[in-house]
Amino acid sequence: MRLYVGNLDFRVTDEELRSAFMAYGSVASASVVIDRDTGRSRGFGFVEMPNPSEAQAAIRGLNGSQLRERSLTVNEARERAERSAGRRRW
C-alpha cells in the first residue's frame, strides 16, 4: 500500500522517514519528494508498505504525530491526476 506523508520538515531524509514507519511493519520504500529546480525537499513524501494491515496501523499511529517538531499528515496515496502537456508559464 502506498502512503502519502505530508507536512514534513525540509530536513527529513528518506532514511528518517523509513525509520518512522518501520515501527509499524516492513517498508518496501520511503522517499521524500525533491524539487528538481532547487534540489530541496518539497515537504512531502511517499512510503510503500507491502502489508495493508501494517500500513493501516502506520496511518493510525503516525497521522498527527510529531516528526522533527512538525505534525505529520499520513493517509493512503491517491492516484496522480493527469496533467496537460502544455508549457509552464513563468
N, C-alpha and C. Protein backbone atom coordinates (compact mmCIF):
# COMPACT_ATOMS: atom_id res chain seq x y z
N MET A 1 0.84 -1.17 0.00
CA MET A 1 0.00 0.00 0.00
C MET A 1 0.90 1.24 0.00
N ARG A 2 0.56 2.19 -0.84
CA ARG A 2 1.34 3.42 -0.94
C ARG A 2 0.72 4.50 -0.06
N LEU A 3 1.54 5.11 0.78
CA LEU A 3 1.08 6.13 1.72
C LEU A 3 1.68 7.48 1.39
N TYR A 4 0.85 8.51 1.53
CA TYR A 4 1.29 9.90 1.38
C TYR A 4 1.65 10.41 2.77
N VAL A 5 2.77 11.12 2.87
CA VAL A 5 3.19 11.71 4.14
C VAL A 5 3.43 13.20 3.89
N GLY A 6 2.61 14.03 4.50
CA GLY A 6 2.72 15.47 4.28
C GLY A 6 3.17 16.22 5.52
N ASN A 7 3.49 17.49 5.32
CA ASN A 7 3.94 18.41 6.35
C ASN A 7 5.28 17.99 6.94
N LEU A 8 6.16 17.44 6.09
CA LEU A 8 7.49 17.04 6.53
C LEU A 8 8.39 18.26 6.70
N ASP A 9 9.20 18.23 7.73
CA ASP A 9 10.25 19.23 7.88
C ASP A 9 11.19 19.09 6.68
N PHE A 10 11.69 20.18 6.16
CA PHE A 10 12.52 20.15 4.95
C PHE A 10 13.85 19.42 5.15
N ARG A 11 14.22 19.13 6.40
CA ARG A 11 15.47 18.42 6.68
C ARG A 11 15.30 16.91 6.79
N VAL A 12 14.06 16.41 6.76
CA VAL A 12 13.82 14.97 6.90
C VAL A 12 14.40 14.24 5.69
N THR A 13 15.10 13.13 5.97
CA THR A 13 15.72 12.32 4.92
C THR A 13 14.87 11.08 4.63
N ASP A 14 15.17 10.42 3.51
CA ASP A 14 14.50 9.17 3.18
C ASP A 14 14.65 8.17 4.31
N GLU A 15 15.85 8.05 4.85
CA GLU A 15 16.11 7.07 5.91
C GLU A 15 15.35 7.40 7.19
N GLU A 16 15.24 8.67 7.52
CA GLU A 16 14.48 9.08 8.71
C GLU A 16 13.00 8.75 8.54
N LEU A 17 12.49 8.97 7.33
CA LEU A 17 11.09 8.64 7.02
C LEU A 17 10.88 7.13 7.12
N ARG A 18 11.78 6.36 6.53
CA ARG A 18 11.71 4.88 6.59
C ARG A 18 11.71 4.41 8.04
N SER A 19 12.57 4.97 8.85
CA SER A 19 12.71 4.57 10.24
C SER A 19 11.41 4.80 11.02
N ALA A 20 10.74 5.91 10.78
CA ALA A 20 9.50 6.22 11.48
C ALA A 20 8.43 5.17 11.16
N PHE A 21 8.38 4.71 9.92
CA PHE A 21 7.36 3.76 9.50
C PHE A 21 7.71 2.31 9.85
N MET A 22 8.99 2.01 10.00
CA MET A 22 9.41 0.64 10.32
C MET A 22 8.90 0.20 11.69
N ALA A 23 8.54 1.13 12.54
CA ALA A 23 7.97 0.78 13.84
C ALA A 23 6.62 0.07 13.68
N TYR A 24 6.00 0.19 12.51
CA TYR A 24 4.68 -0.40 12.26
C TYR A 24 4.71 -1.61 11.33
N GLY A 25 5.87 -1.93 10.77
CA GLY A 25 5.97 -3.09 9.90
C GLY A 25 7.05 -2.91 8.85
N SER A 26 7.02 -3.79 7.86
CA SER A 26 8.05 -3.73 6.82
C SER A 26 7.76 -2.60 5.84
N VAL A 27 8.83 -1.96 5.41
CA VAL A 27 8.76 -0.83 4.49
C VAL A 27 9.52 -1.20 3.22
N ALA A 28 8.82 -1.20 2.08
CA ALA A 28 9.46 -1.52 0.81
C ALA A 28 10.27 -0.33 0.30
N SER A 29 9.74 0.88 0.48
CA SER A 29 10.45 2.09 0.06
C SER A 29 9.92 3.29 0.82
N ALA A 30 10.77 4.30 0.93
CA ALA A 30 10.40 5.57 1.57
C ALA A 30 11.19 6.66 0.86
N SER A 31 10.49 7.67 0.37
CA SER A 31 11.21 8.73 -0.33
C SER A 31 10.56 10.09 -0.10
N VAL A 32 11.40 11.06 0.16
CA VAL A 32 11.00 12.44 0.29
C VAL A 32 11.05 13.04 -1.12
N VAL A 33 10.01 13.75 -1.52
CA VAL A 33 9.97 14.34 -2.86
C VAL A 33 10.85 15.59 -2.88
N ILE A 34 11.74 15.63 -3.88
CA ILE A 34 12.70 16.72 -4.02
C ILE A 34 12.32 17.59 -5.22
N ASP A 35 12.38 18.90 -5.04
CA ASP A 35 12.11 19.83 -6.13
C ASP A 35 13.26 19.76 -7.13
N ARG A 36 12.95 19.51 -8.38
CA ARG A 36 14.02 19.34 -9.37
C ARG A 36 14.76 20.63 -9.68
N ASP A 37 14.13 21.78 -9.47
CA ASP A 37 14.79 23.06 -9.76
C ASP A 37 15.72 23.50 -8.64
N THR A 38 15.29 23.30 -7.38
CA THR A 38 16.08 23.79 -6.25
C THR A 38 16.89 22.70 -5.57
N GLY A 39 16.50 21.44 -5.75
CA GLY A 39 17.19 20.34 -5.08
C GLY A 39 16.81 20.21 -3.61
N ARG A 40 15.80 20.95 -3.17
CA ARG A 40 15.34 20.91 -1.78
C ARG A 40 14.07 20.09 -1.65
N SER A 41 13.80 19.62 -0.45
CA SER A 41 12.58 18.88 -0.18
C SER A 41 11.36 19.74 -0.48
N ARG A 42 10.30 19.09 -0.94
CA ARG A 42 9.03 19.80 -1.18
C ARG A 42 8.10 19.67 0.02
N GLY A 43 8.56 19.00 1.10
CA GLY A 43 7.77 18.92 2.32
C GLY A 43 6.79 17.77 2.37
N PHE A 44 6.90 16.83 1.42
CA PHE A 44 6.07 15.63 1.48
C PHE A 44 6.82 14.46 0.88
N GLY A 45 6.28 13.27 1.09
CA GLY A 45 6.93 12.07 0.57
C GLY A 45 5.96 10.92 0.49
N PHE A 46 6.49 9.76 0.11
CA PHE A 46 5.68 8.56 -0.04
C PHE A 46 6.40 7.38 0.59
N VAL A 47 5.60 6.51 1.20
CA VAL A 47 6.11 5.29 1.81
C VAL A 47 5.30 4.12 1.25
N GLU A 48 5.99 3.08 0.84
CA GLU A 48 5.35 1.87 0.32
C GLU A 48 5.49 0.78 1.37
N MET A 49 4.34 0.26 1.83
CA MET A 49 4.32 -0.84 2.80
C MET A 49 3.56 -2.00 2.18
N PRO A 50 4.20 -3.17 2.03
CA PRO A 50 3.57 -4.29 1.34
C PRO A 50 2.37 -4.90 2.08
N ASN A 51 2.32 -4.80 3.39
CA ASN A 51 1.24 -5.40 4.16
C ASN A 51 0.18 -4.32 4.47
N PRO A 52 -1.04 -4.47 3.91
CA PRO A 52 -2.08 -3.45 4.13
C PRO A 52 -2.45 -3.21 5.59
N SER A 53 -2.46 -4.25 6.41
CA SER A 53 -2.82 -4.05 7.82
C SER A 53 -1.72 -3.27 8.56
N GLU A 54 -0.46 -3.50 8.20
CA GLU A 54 0.63 -2.72 8.80
C GLU A 54 0.55 -1.27 8.33
N ALA A 55 0.19 -1.07 7.06
CA ALA A 55 0.06 0.30 6.52
C ALA A 55 -1.07 1.04 7.24
N GLN A 56 -2.19 0.36 7.49
CA GLN A 56 -3.29 1.00 8.22
C GLN A 56 -2.88 1.34 9.65
N ALA A 57 -2.10 0.47 10.26
CA ALA A 57 -1.60 0.74 11.62
C ALA A 57 -0.68 1.95 11.61
N ALA A 58 0.14 2.08 10.57
CA ALA A 58 1.03 3.24 10.45
C ALA A 58 0.23 4.53 10.27
N ILE A 59 -0.84 4.46 9.48
CA ILE A 59 -1.70 5.64 9.31
C ILE A 59 -2.28 6.06 10.65
N ARG A 60 -2.85 5.09 11.38
CA ARG A 60 -3.44 5.39 12.69
C ARG A 60 -2.40 5.91 13.68
N GLY A 61 -1.22 5.32 13.65
CA GLY A 61 -0.21 5.69 14.63
C GLY A 61 0.56 6.96 14.32
N LEU A 62 0.74 7.26 13.03
CA LEU A 62 1.59 8.40 12.68
C LEU A 62 0.85 9.65 12.24
N ASN A 63 -0.40 9.52 11.78
CA ASN A 63 -1.15 10.70 11.37
C ASN A 63 -1.36 11.61 12.58
N GLY A 64 -0.87 12.83 12.49
CA GLY A 64 -0.98 13.78 13.60
C GLY A 64 0.18 13.72 14.58
N SER A 65 1.07 12.73 14.42
CA SER A 65 2.21 12.62 15.32
C SER A 65 3.30 13.62 14.92
N GLN A 66 4.28 13.79 15.78
CA GLN A 66 5.35 14.76 15.57
C GLN A 66 6.60 14.09 15.01
N LEU A 67 7.18 14.68 14.00
CA LEU A 67 8.49 14.28 13.49
C LEU A 67 9.26 15.58 13.25
N ARG A 68 10.35 15.74 13.98
CA ARG A 68 11.12 17.00 13.94
C ARG A 68 10.22 18.21 14.19
N GLU A 69 9.38 18.06 15.20
CA GLU A 69 8.51 19.15 15.67
C GLU A 69 7.47 19.60 14.64
N ARG A 70 7.14 18.74 13.67
CA ARG A 70 6.08 19.03 12.70
C ARG A 70 5.03 17.93 12.82
N SER A 71 3.77 18.30 12.76
CA SER A 71 2.67 17.36 12.86
C SER A 71 2.42 16.73 11.49
N LEU A 72 2.62 15.42 11.39
CA LEU A 72 2.52 14.73 10.10
C LEU A 72 1.08 14.52 9.65
N THR A 73 0.90 14.52 8.35
CA THR A 73 -0.34 14.09 7.71
C THR A 73 -0.01 12.79 6.99
N VAL A 74 -0.68 11.71 7.38
CA VAL A 74 -0.42 10.41 6.76
C VAL A 74 -1.75 9.81 6.32
N ASN A 75 -1.85 9.45 5.05
CA ASN A 75 -3.03 8.78 4.54
C ASN A 75 -2.67 7.96 3.30
N GLU A 76 -3.64 7.19 2.83
CA GLU A 76 -3.40 6.39 1.64
C GLU A 76 -3.23 7.32 0.45
N ALA A 77 -2.19 7.07 -0.34
CA ALA A 77 -1.91 7.93 -1.51
C ALA A 77 -2.99 7.71 -2.56
N ARG A 78 -3.37 8.79 -3.21
CA ARG A 78 -4.32 8.72 -4.33
C ARG A 78 -3.54 8.66 -5.62
N GLU A 79 -4.18 8.16 -6.65
CA GLU A 79 -3.55 8.13 -7.97
C GLU A 79 -3.32 9.55 -8.44
N ARG A 80 -2.22 9.74 -9.13
CA ARG A 80 -1.86 11.05 -9.64
C ARG A 80 -2.79 11.47 -10.77
N ALA A 81 -3.28 12.69 -10.73
CA ALA A 81 -4.19 13.21 -11.76
C ALA A 81 -3.42 13.44 -13.05
N GLU A 82 -4.11 13.26 -14.16
CA GLU A 82 -3.49 13.54 -15.46
C GLU A 82 -3.17 15.02 -15.56
N ARG A 83 -2.03 15.33 -16.15
CA ARG A 83 -1.62 16.72 -16.32
C ARG A 83 -1.61 17.04 -17.79
N SER A 84 -1.91 18.29 -18.11
CA SER A 84 -1.88 18.69 -19.51
C SER A 84 -0.42 18.78 -19.97
N ALA A 85 -0.22 18.62 -21.27
CA ALA A 85 1.13 18.64 -21.81
C ALA A 85 1.58 20.06 -22.17
N GLY A 86 0.84 21.05 -21.70
CA GLY A 86 1.16 22.44 -22.03
C GLY A 86 2.46 22.92 -21.41
N ARG A 87 2.91 24.07 -21.86
CA ARG A 87 4.16 24.64 -21.35
C ARG A 87 3.93 25.27 -20.00
N ARG A 88 4.97 25.34 -19.24
CA ARG A 88 4.96 26.02 -17.96
C ARG A 88 4.91 27.52 -18.19
N ARG A 89 4.14 28.19 -17.41
CA ARG A 89 4.08 29.65 -17.52
C ARG A 89 4.87 30.27 -16.38
N TRP A 90 5.70 31.19 -16.69
CA TRP A 90 6.52 31.86 -15.69
C TRP A 90 5.90 33.16 -15.41
